[in-house]
Amino acid sequence: RQPGTYAEYIAVSSLSLARKPSSLSHVEAAGVPLAALTAWG
C-alpha cells in the first residue's frame, strides 16, 4: 500500500508506529515490529 523501508525516509500513519524503547538500539528496534506483532497476534 505504501513504499517500504529500504530507504532513507518513509511516510507512515500515526497508527502504525510507537516510541522506540530507550533500552534498544535502532538496529535492535528494527528487528521487532513485524515479527513481534505477528507472534503477539
Full PDB file with SEQRES, HELIX, SHEET, SSBOND, CRYST1, ORIGX, SCALE, CONECT and MASTER records, all heavy atoms in Angstrom:
SEQRES   1 A   41  ARG GLN PRO GLY THR TYR ALA GLU TYR ILE ALA VAL SER          
SEQRES   2 A   41  SER LEU SER LEU ALA ARG LYS PRO SER SER LEU SER HIS          
SEQRES   3 A   41  VAL GLU ALA ALA GLY VAL PRO LEU ALA ALA LEU THR ALA          
SEQRES   4 A   41  TRP GLY                                                      
HELIX    1 AA1 SER A   14  SER A   16  5                                   3    
HELIX    2 AA2 HIS A   26  ALA A   30  1                                   5    
HELIX    3 AA3 PRO A   33  TRP A   40  1                                   8    
CRYST1    1.000    1.000    1.000  90.00  90.00  90.00 P 1           1          
ORIGX1      1.000000  0.000000  0.000000        0.00000                         
ORIGX2      0.000000  1.000000  0.000000        0.00000                         
ORIGX3      0.000000  0.000000  1.000000        0.00000                         
SCALE1      1.000000  0.000000  0.000000        0.00000                         
SCALE2      0.000000  1.000000  0.000000        0.00000                         
SCALE3      0.000000  0.000000  1.000000        0.00000                         
ATOM      1  N   ARG A   1       0.830  -1.214   0.000  1.00  0.00           N  
ATOM      2  CA  ARG A   1       0.000   0.000   0.000  1.00  0.00           C  
ATOM      3  C   ARG A   1       0.858   1.254   0.000  1.00  0.00           C  
ATOM      4  O   ARG A   1       0.470   2.294  -0.530  1.00  0.00           O  
ATOM      5  CB  ARG A   1      -0.917   0.014   1.225  1.00  0.00           C  
ATOM      6  CG  ARG A   1      -1.995  -1.040   1.223  1.00  0.00           C  
ATOM      7  CD  ARG A   1      -3.017  -0.774   0.146  1.00  0.00           C  
ATOM      8  NE  ARG A   1      -4.111  -1.744   0.203  1.00  0.00           N  
ATOM      9  CZ  ARG A   1      -5.052  -1.855  -0.718  1.00  0.00           C  
ATOM     10  NH1 ARG A   1      -5.028  -1.073  -1.782  1.00  0.00           N  
ATOM     11  NH2 ARG A   1      -5.998  -2.759  -0.594  1.00  0.00           N  
ATOM     12  N   GLN A   2       2.032   1.169   0.640  1.00  0.00           N  
ATOM     13  CA  GLN A   2       2.954   2.293   0.706  1.00  0.00           C  
ATOM     14  C   GLN A   2       4.348   1.826   0.343  1.00  0.00           C  
ATOM     15  O   GLN A   2       4.659   0.625   0.484  1.00  0.00           O  
ATOM     16  CB  GLN A   2       2.973   2.877   2.126  1.00  0.00           C  
ATOM     17  CG  GLN A   2       1.686   3.535   2.561  1.00  0.00           C  
ATOM     18  CD  GLN A   2       1.766   3.989   3.999  1.00  0.00           C  
ATOM     19  OE1 GLN A   2       0.992   3.565   4.847  1.00  0.00           O  
ATOM     20  NE2 GLN A   2       2.708   4.876   4.288  1.00  0.00           N  
ATOM     21  N   PRO A   3       5.211   2.736  -0.106  1.00  0.00           N  
ATOM     22  CA  PRO A   3       6.613   2.361  -0.333  1.00  0.00           C  
ATOM     23  C   PRO A   3       7.237   1.861   0.966  1.00  0.00           C  
ATOM     24  O   PRO A   3       6.892   2.320   2.062  1.00  0.00           O  
ATOM     25  CB  PRO A   3       7.259   3.669  -0.800  1.00  0.00           C  
ATOM     26  CG  PRO A   3       6.129   4.484  -1.330  1.00  0.00           C  
ATOM     27  CD  PRO A   3       4.945   4.138  -0.487  1.00  0.00           C  
ATOM     28  N   GLY A   4       8.181   0.922   0.836  1.00  0.00           N  
ATOM     29  CA  GLY A   4       8.743   0.278   2.007  1.00  0.00           C  
ATOM     30  C   GLY A   4       9.893   1.012   2.657  1.00  0.00           C  
ATOM     31  O   GLY A   4      10.204   2.166   2.332  1.00  0.00           O  
ATOM     32  N   THR A   5      10.552   0.297   3.558  1.00  0.00           N  
ATOM     33  CA  THR A   5      11.517   0.910   4.470  1.00  0.00           C  
ATOM     34  C   THR A   5      12.972   0.728   4.067  1.00  0.00           C  
ATOM     35  O   THR A   5      13.864   1.157   4.792  1.00  0.00           O  
ATOM     36  CB  THR A   5      11.324   0.328   5.886  1.00  0.00           C  
ATOM     37  OG1 THR A   5      11.537  -1.094   5.857  1.00  0.00           O  
ATOM     38  CG2 THR A   5       9.932   0.618   6.396  1.00  0.00           C  
ATOM     39  N   TYR A   6      13.240   0.117   2.922  1.00  0.00           N  
ATOM     40  CA  TYR A   6      14.614   0.013   2.436  1.00  0.00           C  
ATOM     41  C   TYR A   6      14.996   1.348   1.800  1.00  0.00           C  
ATOM     42  O   TYR A   6      15.357   1.446   0.623  1.00  0.00           O  
ATOM     43  CB  TYR A   6      14.770  -1.087   1.399  1.00  0.00           C  
ATOM     44  CG  TYR A   6      14.511  -2.503   1.842  1.00  0.00           C  
ATOM     45  CD1 TYR A   6      14.581  -3.553   0.925  1.00  0.00           C  
ATOM     46  CD2 TYR A   6      14.206  -2.824   3.160  1.00  0.00           C  
ATOM     47  CE1 TYR A   6      14.358  -4.868   1.293  1.00  0.00           C  
ATOM     48  CE2 TYR A   6      13.971  -4.135   3.542  1.00  0.00           C  
ATOM     49  CZ  TYR A   6      14.044  -5.158   2.606  1.00  0.00           C  
ATOM     50  OH  TYR A   6      13.805  -6.462   2.972  1.00  0.00           O  
ATOM     51  N   ALA A   7      14.912   2.407   2.572  1.00  0.00           N  
ATOM     52  CA  ALA A   7      15.090   3.757   2.042  1.00  0.00           C  
ATOM     53  C   ALA A   7      15.443   4.708   3.175  1.00  0.00           C  
ATOM     54  O   ALA A   7      15.268   4.382   4.356  1.00  0.00           O  
ATOM     55  CB  ALA A   7      13.811   4.230   1.349  1.00  0.00           C  
ATOM     56  N   GLU A   8      15.911   5.893   2.819  1.00  0.00           N  
ATOM     57  CA  GLU A   8      16.313   6.873   3.833  1.00  0.00           C  
ATOM     58  C   GLU A   8      15.120   7.489   4.567  1.00  0.00           C  
ATOM     59  O   GLU A   8      15.251   7.878   5.736  1.00  0.00           O  
ATOM     60  CB  GLU A   8      17.122   7.995   3.187  1.00  0.00           C  
ATOM     61  CG  GLU A   8      18.511   7.591   2.749  1.00  0.00           C  
ATOM     62  CD  GLU A   8      19.278   8.770   2.205  1.00  0.00           C  
ATOM     63  OE1 GLU A   8      18.995   9.203   1.071  1.00  0.00           O  
ATOM     64  OE2 GLU A   8      20.155   9.285   2.940  1.00  0.00           O  
ATOM     65  N   TYR A   9      13.965   7.570   3.894  1.00  0.00           N  
ATOM     66  CA  TYR A   9      12.789   8.194   4.516  1.00  0.00           C  
ATOM     67  C   TYR A   9      11.541   7.384   4.168  1.00  0.00           C  
ATOM     68  O   TYR A   9      11.464   6.746   3.115  1.00  0.00           O  
ATOM     69  CB  TYR A   9      12.594   9.634   4.009  1.00  0.00           C  
ATOM     70  CG  TYR A   9      13.692  10.579   4.428  1.00  0.00           C  
ATOM     71  CD1 TYR A   9      14.827  10.746   3.625  1.00  0.00           C  
ATOM     72  CD2 TYR A   9      13.601  11.298   5.616  1.00  0.00           C  
ATOM     73  CE1 TYR A   9      15.852  11.605   4.009  1.00  0.00           C  
ATOM     74  CE2 TYR A   9      14.628  12.157   6.001  1.00  0.00           C  
ATOM     75  CZ  TYR A   9      15.738  12.306   5.200  1.00  0.00           C  
ATOM     76  OH  TYR A   9      16.744  13.146   5.587  1.00  0.00           O  
ATOM     77  N   ILE A  10      10.571   7.438   5.063  1.00  0.00           N  
ATOM     78  CA  ILE A  10       9.272   6.823   4.807  1.00  0.00           C  
ATOM     79  C   ILE A  10       8.176   7.769   5.275  1.00  0.00           C  
ATOM     80  O   ILE A  10       8.392   8.617   6.152  1.00  0.00           O  
ATOM     81  CB  ILE A  10       9.102   5.479   5.554  1.00  0.00           C  
ATOM     82  CG1 ILE A  10       9.351   5.650   7.069  1.00  0.00           C  
ATOM     83  CG2 ILE A  10       9.992   4.408   4.962  1.00  0.00           C  
ATOM     84  CD1 ILE A  10       8.951   4.471   7.903  1.00  0.00           C  
ATOM     85  N   ALA A  11       6.990   7.627   4.697  1.00  0.00           N  
ATOM     86  CA  ALA A  11       5.778   8.246   5.220  1.00  0.00           C  
ATOM     87  C   ALA A  11       4.978   7.139   5.887  1.00  0.00           C  
ATOM     88  O   ALA A  11       4.798   6.061   5.306  1.00  0.00           O  
ATOM     89  CB  ALA A  11       4.973   8.885   4.100  1.00  0.00           C  
ATOM     90  N   VAL A  12       4.524   7.378   7.106  1.00  0.00           N  
ATOM     91  CA  VAL A  12       3.875   6.311   7.872  1.00  0.00           C  
ATOM     92  C   VAL A  12       2.741   6.871   8.713  1.00  0.00           C  
ATOM     93  O   VAL A  12       2.848   7.957   9.289  1.00  0.00           O  
ATOM     94  CB  VAL A  12       4.913   5.576   8.761  1.00  0.00           C  
ATOM     95  CG1 VAL A  12       5.619   6.527   9.704  1.00  0.00           C  
ATOM     96  CG2 VAL A  12       4.284   4.427   9.515  1.00  0.00           C  
ATOM     97  N   SER A  13       1.648   6.132   8.800  1.00  0.00           N  
ATOM     98  CA  SER A  13       0.482   6.546   9.576  1.00  0.00           C  
ATOM     99  C   SER A  13       0.812   6.631  11.063  1.00  0.00           C  
ATOM    100  O   SER A  13       1.608   5.848  11.590  1.00  0.00           O  
ATOM    101  CB  SER A  13      -0.663   5.550   9.367  1.00  0.00           C  
ATOM    102  OG  SER A  13      -1.688   5.737  10.318  1.00  0.00           O  
ATOM    103  N   SER A  14       0.148   7.553  11.742  1.00  0.00           N  
ATOM    104  CA  SER A  14       0.317   7.674  13.184  1.00  0.00           C  
ATOM    105  C   SER A  14      -0.164   6.431  13.917  1.00  0.00           C  
ATOM    106  O   SER A  14       0.214   6.204  15.074  1.00  0.00           O  
ATOM    107  CB  SER A  14      -0.438   8.902  13.700  1.00  0.00           C  
ATOM    108  OG  SER A  14      -1.819   8.799  13.402  1.00  0.00           O  
ATOM    109  N   LEU A  15      -0.988   5.602  13.281  1.00  0.00           N  
ATOM    110  CA  LEU A  15      -1.485   4.366  13.895  1.00  0.00           C  
ATOM    111  C   LEU A  15      -0.495   3.216  13.777  1.00  0.00           C  
ATOM    112  O   LEU A  15      -0.713   2.159  14.367  1.00  0.00           O  
ATOM    113  CB  LEU A  15      -2.812   3.953  13.248  1.00  0.00           C  
ATOM    114  CG  LEU A  15      -3.958   4.954  13.320  1.00  0.00           C  
ATOM    115  CD1 LEU A  15      -5.169   4.415  12.568  1.00  0.00           C  
ATOM    116  CD2 LEU A  15      -4.313   5.259  14.766  1.00  0.00           C  
ATOM    117  N   SER A  16       0.583   3.432  13.044  1.00  0.00           N  
ATOM    118  CA  SER A  16       1.494   2.335  12.702  1.00  0.00           C  
ATOM    119  C   SER A  16       2.842   2.394  13.392  1.00  0.00           C  
ATOM    120  O   SER A  16       3.719   1.595  13.082  1.00  0.00           O  
ATOM    121  CB  SER A  16       1.712   2.309  11.178  1.00  0.00           C  
ATOM    122  OG  SER A  16       0.497   2.125  10.499  1.00  0.00           O  
ATOM    123  N   LEU A  17       3.025   3.340  14.311  1.00  0.00           N  
ATOM    124  CA  LEU A  17       4.324   3.445  14.965  1.00  0.00           C  
ATOM    125  C   LEU A  17       4.172   3.705  16.452  1.00  0.00           C  
ATOM    126  O   LEU A  17       3.088   3.968  16.958  1.00  0.00           O  
ATOM    127  CB  LEU A  17       5.191   4.521  14.302  1.00  0.00           C  
ATOM    128  CG  LEU A  17       4.629   5.931  14.076  1.00  0.00           C  
ATOM    129  CD1 LEU A  17       4.399   6.668  15.370  1.00  0.00           C  
ATOM    130  CD2 LEU A  17       5.588   6.710  13.189  1.00  0.00           C  
ATOM    131  N   ALA A  18       5.283   3.608  17.149  1.00  0.00           N  
ATOM    132  CA  ALA A  18       5.330   3.841  18.596  1.00  0.00           C  
ATOM    133  C   ALA A  18       6.703   4.400  18.944  1.00  0.00           C  
ATOM    134  O   ALA A  18       7.632   4.357  18.128  1.00  0.00           O  
ATOM    135  CB  ALA A  18       5.089   2.532  19.352  1.00  0.00           C  
ATOM    136  N   ARG A  19       6.824   4.928  20.135  1.00  0.00           N  
ATOM    137  CA  ARG A  19       8.147   5.370  20.587  1.00  0.00           C  
ATOM    138  C   ARG A  19       9.094   4.181  20.656  1.00  0.00           C  
ATOM    139  O   ARG A  19       8.725   3.104  21.137  1.00  0.00           O  
ATOM    140  CB  ARG A  19       8.053   6.000  21.985  1.00  0.00           C  
ATOM    141  CG  ARG A  19       7.337   7.336  22.023  1.00  0.00           C  
ATOM    142  CD  ARG A  19       7.347   7.898  23.437  1.00  0.00           C  
ATOM    143  NE  ARG A  19       6.587   9.134  23.514  1.00  0.00           N  
ATOM    144  CZ  ARG A  19       7.088  10.344  23.265  1.00  0.00           C  
ATOM    145  NH1 ARG A  19       8.364  10.463  22.949  1.00  0.00           N  
ATOM    146  NH2 ARG A  19       6.323  11.417  23.339  1.00  0.00           N  
ATOM    147  N   LYS A  20      10.302   4.384  20.194  1.00  0.00           N  
ATOM    148  CA  LYS A  20      11.316   3.334  20.292  1.00  0.00           C  
ATOM    149  C   LYS A  20      11.677   3.098  21.748  1.00  0.00           C  
ATOM    150  O   LYS A  20      11.925   4.055  22.490  1.00  0.00           O  
ATOM    151  CB  LYS A  20      12.566   3.718  19.508  1.00  0.00           C  
ATOM    152  CG  LYS A  20      13.665   2.643  19.533  1.00  0.00           C  
ATOM    153  CD  LYS A  20      14.917   3.097  18.828  1.00  0.00           C  
ATOM    154  CE  LYS A  20      15.733   4.082  19.635  1.00  0.00           C  
ATOM    155  NZ  LYS A  20      16.314   3.472  20.862  1.00  0.00           N  
ATOM    156  N   PRO A  21      11.709   1.849  22.204  1.00  0.00           N  
ATOM    157  CA  PRO A  21      12.176   1.590  23.560  1.00  0.00           C  
ATOM    158  C   PRO A  21      13.579   2.158  23.766  1.00  0.00           C  
ATOM    159  O   PRO A  21      14.474   1.912  22.948  1.00  0.00           O  
ATOM    160  CB  PRO A  21      12.170   0.054  23.654  1.00  0.00           C  
ATOM    161  CG  PRO A  21      11.167  -0.375  22.622  1.00  0.00           C  
ATOM    162  CD  PRO A  21      11.303   0.612  21.505  1.00  0.00           C  
ATOM    163  N   SER A  22      13.764   2.896  24.833  1.00  0.00           N  
ATOM    164  CA  SER A  22      15.058   3.546  25.058  1.00  0.00           C  
ATOM    165  C   SER A  22      16.185   2.550  25.292  1.00  0.00           C  
ATOM    166  O   SER A  22      17.352   2.865  25.078  1.00  0.00           O  
ATOM    167  CB  SER A  22      14.958   4.509  26.247  1.00  0.00           C  
ATOM    168  OG  SER A  22      14.579   3.808  27.420  1.00  0.00           O  
ATOM    169  N   SER A  23      15.827   1.337  25.724  1.00  0.00           N  
ATOM    170  CA  SER A  23      16.846   0.330  26.009  1.00  0.00           C  
ATOM    171  C   SER A  23      17.362  -0.364  24.751  1.00  0.00           C  
ATOM    172  O   SER A  23      18.336  -1.127  24.811  1.00  0.00           O  
ATOM    173  CB  SER A  23      16.288  -0.719  26.970  1.00  0.00           C  
ATOM    174  OG  SER A  23      15.162  -1.371  26.404  1.00  0.00           O  
ATOM    175  N   LEU A  24      16.713  -0.121  23.615  1.00  0.00           N  
ATOM    176  CA  LEU A  24      17.112  -0.775  22.371  1.00  0.00           C  
ATOM    177  C   LEU A  24      17.830   0.202  21.452  1.00  0.00           C  
ATOM    178  O   LEU A  24      17.468   1.375  21.359  1.00  0.00           O  
ATOM    179  CB  LEU A  24      15.894  -1.328  21.628  1.00  0.00           C  
ATOM    180  CG  LEU A  24      15.026  -2.379  22.313  1.00  0.00           C  
ATOM    181  CD1 LEU A  24      13.985  -2.904  21.332  1.00  0.00           C  
ATOM    182  CD2 LEU A  24      15.847  -3.516  22.883  1.00  0.00           C  
ATOM    183  N   SER A  25      18.823  -0.281  20.739  1.00  0.00           N  
ATOM    184  CA  SER A  25      19.433   0.486  19.661  1.00  0.00           C  
ATOM    185  C   SER A  25      18.463   0.515  18.486  1.00  0.00           C  
ATOM    186  O   SER A  25      17.484  -0.243  18.441  1.00  0.00           O  
ATOM    187  CB  SER A  25      20.750  -0.158  19.234  1.00  0.00           C  
ATOM    188  OG  SER A  25      20.493  -1.423  18.618  1.00  0.00           O  
ATOM    189  N   HIS A  26      18.735   1.365  17.501  1.00  0.00           N  
ATOM    190  CA  HIS A  26      17.887   1.380  16.314  1.00  0.00           C  
ATOM    191  C   HIS A  26      17.947   0.044  15.580  1.00  0.00           C  
ATOM    192  O   HIS A  26      16.924  -0.422  15.044  1.00  0.00           O  
ATOM    193  CB  HIS A  26      18.293   2.516  15.373  1.00  0.00           C  
ATOM    194  CG  HIS A  26      17.804   3.861  15.812  1.00  0.00           C  
ATOM    195  ND1 HIS A  26      16.470   4.208  15.807  1.00  0.00           N  
ATOM    196  CD2 HIS A  26      18.467   4.949  16.287  1.00  0.00           C  
ATOM    197  CE1 HIS A  26      16.327   5.447  16.236  1.00  0.00           C  
ATOM    198  NE2 HIS A  26      17.525   5.929  16.538  1.00  0.00           N  
ATOM    199  N   VAL A  27      19.116  -0.575  15.545  1.00  0.00           N  
ATOM    200  CA  VAL A  27      19.247  -1.874  14.883  1.00  0.00           C  
ATOM    201  C   VAL A  27      18.380  -2.907  15.585  1.00  0.00           C  
ATOM    202  O   VAL A  27      17.646  -3.676  14.936  1.00  0.00           O  
ATOM    203  CB  VAL A  27      20.720  -2.318  14.849  1.00  0.00           C  
ATOM    204  CG1 VAL A  27      20.839  -3.805  14.493  1.00  0.00           C  
ATOM    205  CG2 VAL A  27      21.502  -1.481  13.840  1.00  0.00           C  
ATOM    206  N   GLU A  28      18.421  -2.959  16.896  1.00  0.00           N  
ATOM    207  CA  GLU A  28      17.596  -3.911  17.634  1.00  0.00           C  
ATOM    208  C   GLU A  28      16.111  -3.613  17.436  1.00  0.00           C  
ATOM    209  O   GLU A  28      15.307  -4.527  17.200  1.00  0.00           O  
ATOM    210  CB  GLU A  28      17.944  -3.860  19.120  1.00  0.00           C  
ATOM    211  CG  GLU A  28      19.318  -4.409  19.438  1.00  0.00           C  
ATOM    212  CD  GLU A  28      19.729  -4.107  20.878  1.00  0.00           C  
ATOM    213  OE1 GLU A  28      19.409  -3.006  21.398  1.00  0.00           O  
ATOM    214  OE2 GLU A  28      20.386  -4.971  21.489  1.00  0.00           O  
ATOM    215  N   ALA A  29      15.746  -2.349  17.522  1.00  0.00           N  
ATOM    216  CA  ALA A  29      14.340  -1.971  17.393  1.00  0.00           C  
ATOM    217  C   ALA A  29      13.788  -2.331  16.020  1.00  0.00           C  
ATOM    218  O   ALA A  29      12.627  -2.747  15.896  1.00  0.00           O  
ATOM    219  CB  ALA A  29      14.163  -0.481  17.654  1.00  0.00           C  
ATOM    220  N   ALA A  30      14.595  -2.194  14.983  1.00  0.00           N  
ATOM    221  CA  ALA A  30      14.134  -2.506  13.629  1.00  0.00           C  
ATOM    222  C   ALA A  30      13.830  -3.989  13.459  1.00  0.00           C  
ATOM    223  O   ALA A  30      13.113  -4.372  12.526  1.00  0.00           O  
ATOM    224  CB  ALA A  30      15.168  -2.062  12.601  1.00  0.00           C  
ATOM    225  N   GLY A  31      14.353  -4.824  14.342  1.00  0.00           N  
ATOM    226  CA  GLY A  31      14.082  -6.250  14.269  1.00  0.00           C  
ATOM    227  C   GLY A  31      12.796  -6.667  14.956  1.00  0.00           C  
ATOM    228  O   GLY A  31      12.423  -7.846  14.922  1.00  0.00           O  
ATOM    229  N   VAL A  32      12.093  -5.716  15.547  1.00  0.00           N  
ATOM    230  CA  VAL A  32      10.935  -6.062  16.377  1.00  0.00           C  
ATOM    231  C   VAL A  32       9.596  -6.058  15.646  1.00  0.00           C  
ATOM    232  O   VAL A  32       8.854  -7.057  15.722  1.00  0.00           O  
ATOM    233  CB  VAL A  32      10.858  -5.124  17.613  1.00  0.00           C  
ATOM    234  CG1 VAL A  32       9.556  -5.353  18.386  1.00  0.00           C  
ATOM    235  CG2 VAL A  32      12.060  -5.322  18.517  1.00  0.00           C  
ATOM    236  N   PRO A  33       9.171  -4.984  14.976  1.00  0.00           N  
ATOM    237  CA  PRO A  33       7.743  -4.775  14.708  1.00  0.00           C  
ATOM    238  C   PRO A  33       6.991  -5.903  14.018  1.00  0.00           C  
ATOM    239  O   PRO A  33       6.036  -6.466  14.593  1.00  0.00           O  
ATOM    240  CB  PRO A  33       7.736  -3.490  13.874  1.00  0.00           C  
ATOM    241  CG  PRO A  33       8.949  -2.751  14.342  1.00  0.00           C  
ATOM    242  CD  PRO A  33       9.979  -3.820  14.538  1.00  0.00           C  
ATOM    243  N   LEU A  34       7.340  -6.254  12.786  1.00  0.00           N  
ATOM    244  CA  LEU A  34       6.546  -7.249  12.079  1.00  0.00           C  
ATOM    245  C   LEU A  34       6.586  -8.600  12.778  1.00  0.00           C  
ATOM    246  O   LEU A  34       5.547  -9.253  12.944  1.00  0.00           O  
ATOM    247  CB  LEU A  34       7.020  -7.383  10.631  1.00  0.00           C  
ATOM    248  CG  LEU A  34       6.189  -8.306   9.737  1.00  0.00           C  
ATOM    249  CD1 LEU A  34       6.148  -7.790   8.305  1.00  0.00           C  
ATOM    250  CD2 LEU A  34       6.728  -9.741   9.730  1.00  0.00           C  
ATOM    251  N   ALA A  35       7.766  -9.037  13.191  1.00  0.00           N  
ATOM    252  CA  ALA A  35       7.891 -10.346  13.828  1.00  0.00           C  
ATOM    253  C   ALA A  35       7.162 -10.388  15.167  1.00  0.00           C  
ATOM    254  O   ALA A  35       6.434 -11.340  15.463  1.00  0.00           O  
ATOM    255  CB  ALA A  35       9.362 -10.701  14.014  1.00  0.00           C  
ATOM    256  N   ALA A  36       7.355  -9.365  15.988  1.00  0.00           N  
ATOM    257  CA  ALA A  36       6.723  -9.360  17.306  1.00  0.00           C  
ATOM    258  C   ALA A  36       5.212  -9.203  17.200  1.00  0.00           C  
ATOM    259  O   ALA A  36       4.457  -9.850  17.942  1.00  0.00           O  
ATOM    260  CB  ALA A  36       7.316  -8.244  18.160  1.00  0.00           C  
ATOM    261  N   LEU A  37       4.740  -8.347  16.298  1.00  0.00           N  
ATOM    262  CA  LEU A  37       3.297  -8.189  16.126  1.00  0.00           C  
ATOM    263  C   LEU A  37       2.666  -9.461  15.589  1.00  0.00           C  
ATOM    264  O   LEU A  37       1.543  -9.826  15.967  1.00  0.00           O  
ATOM    265  CB  LEU A  37       2.998  -7.017  15.200  1.00  0.00           C  
ATOM    266  CG  LEU A  37       3.219  -5.623  15.784  1.00  0.00           C  
ATOM    267  CD1 LEU A  37       3.134  -4.561  14.686  1.00  0.00           C  
ATOM    268  CD2 LEU A  37       2.212  -5.318  16.892  1.00  0.00           C  
ATOM    269  N   THR A  38       3.361 -10.172  14.700  1.00  0.00           N  
ATOM    270  CA  THR A  38       2.852 -11.454  14.208  1.00  0.00           C  
ATOM    271  C   THR A  38       2.760 -12.461  15.338  1.00  0.00           C  
ATOM    272  O   THR A  38       1.742 -13.144  15.511  1.00  0.00           O  
ATOM    273  CB  THR A  38       3.749 -11.994  13.084  1.00  0.00           C  
ATOM    274  OG1 THR A  38       3.813 -11.053  12.019  1.00  0.00           O  
ATOM    275  CG2 THR A  38       3.221 -13.317  12.555  1.00  0.00           C  
ATOM    276  N   ALA A  39       3.833 -12.567  16.112  1.00  0.00           N  
ATOM    277  CA  ALA A  39       3.842 -13.516  17.233  1.00  0.00           C  
ATOM    278  C   ALA A  39       2.772 -13.167  18.260  1.00  0.00           C  
ATOM    279  O   ALA A  39       2.067 -14.046  18.765  1.00  0.00           O  
ATOM    280  CB  ALA A  39       5.222 -13.526  17.882  1.00  0.00           C  
ATOM    281  N   TRP A  40       2.630 -11.882  18.572  1.00  0.00           N  
ATOM    282  CA  TRP A  40       1.612 -11.451  19.532  1.00  0.00           C  
ATOM    283  C   TRP A  40       0.211 -11.804  19.027  1.00  0.00           C  
ATOM    284  O   TRP A  40      -0.624 -12.330  19.776  1.00  0.00           O  
ATOM    285  CB  TRP A  40       1.723  -9.954  19.758  1.00  0.00           C  
ATOM    286  CG  TRP A  40       0.771  -9.413  20.790  1.00  0.00           C  
ATOM    287  CD1 TRP A  40      -0.530  -9.019  20.597  1.00  0.00           C  
ATOM    288  CD2 TRP A  40       1.053  -9.210  22.184  1.00  0.00           C  
ATOM    289  NE1 TRP A  40      -1.075  -8.588  21.778  1.00  0.00           N  
ATOM    290  CE2 TRP A  40      -0.133  -8.688  22.762  1.00  0.00           C  
ATOM    291  CE3 TRP A  40       2.171  -9.407  22.979  1.00  0.00           C  
ATOM    292  CZ2 TRP A  40      -0.219  -8.370  24.118  1.00  0.00           C  
ATOM    293  CZ3 TRP A  40       2.098  -9.083  24.324  1.00  0.00           C  
ATOM    294  CH2 TRP A  40       0.921  -8.571  24.885  1.00  0.00           C  
ATOM    295  N   GLY A  41      -0.035 -11.535  17.759  1.00  0.00           N  
ATOM    296  CA  GLY A  41      -1.346 -11.832  17.204  1.00  0.00           C  
ATOM    297  C   GLY A  41      -1.674 -13.311  17.266  1.00  0.00           C  
ATOM    298  O   GLY A  41      -2.794 -13.702  17.628  1.00  0.00           O  
TER     299      GLY A  41                                                      
MASTER        0    0    0    3    0    0    0    6  298    1    0    4          
END                                                                             
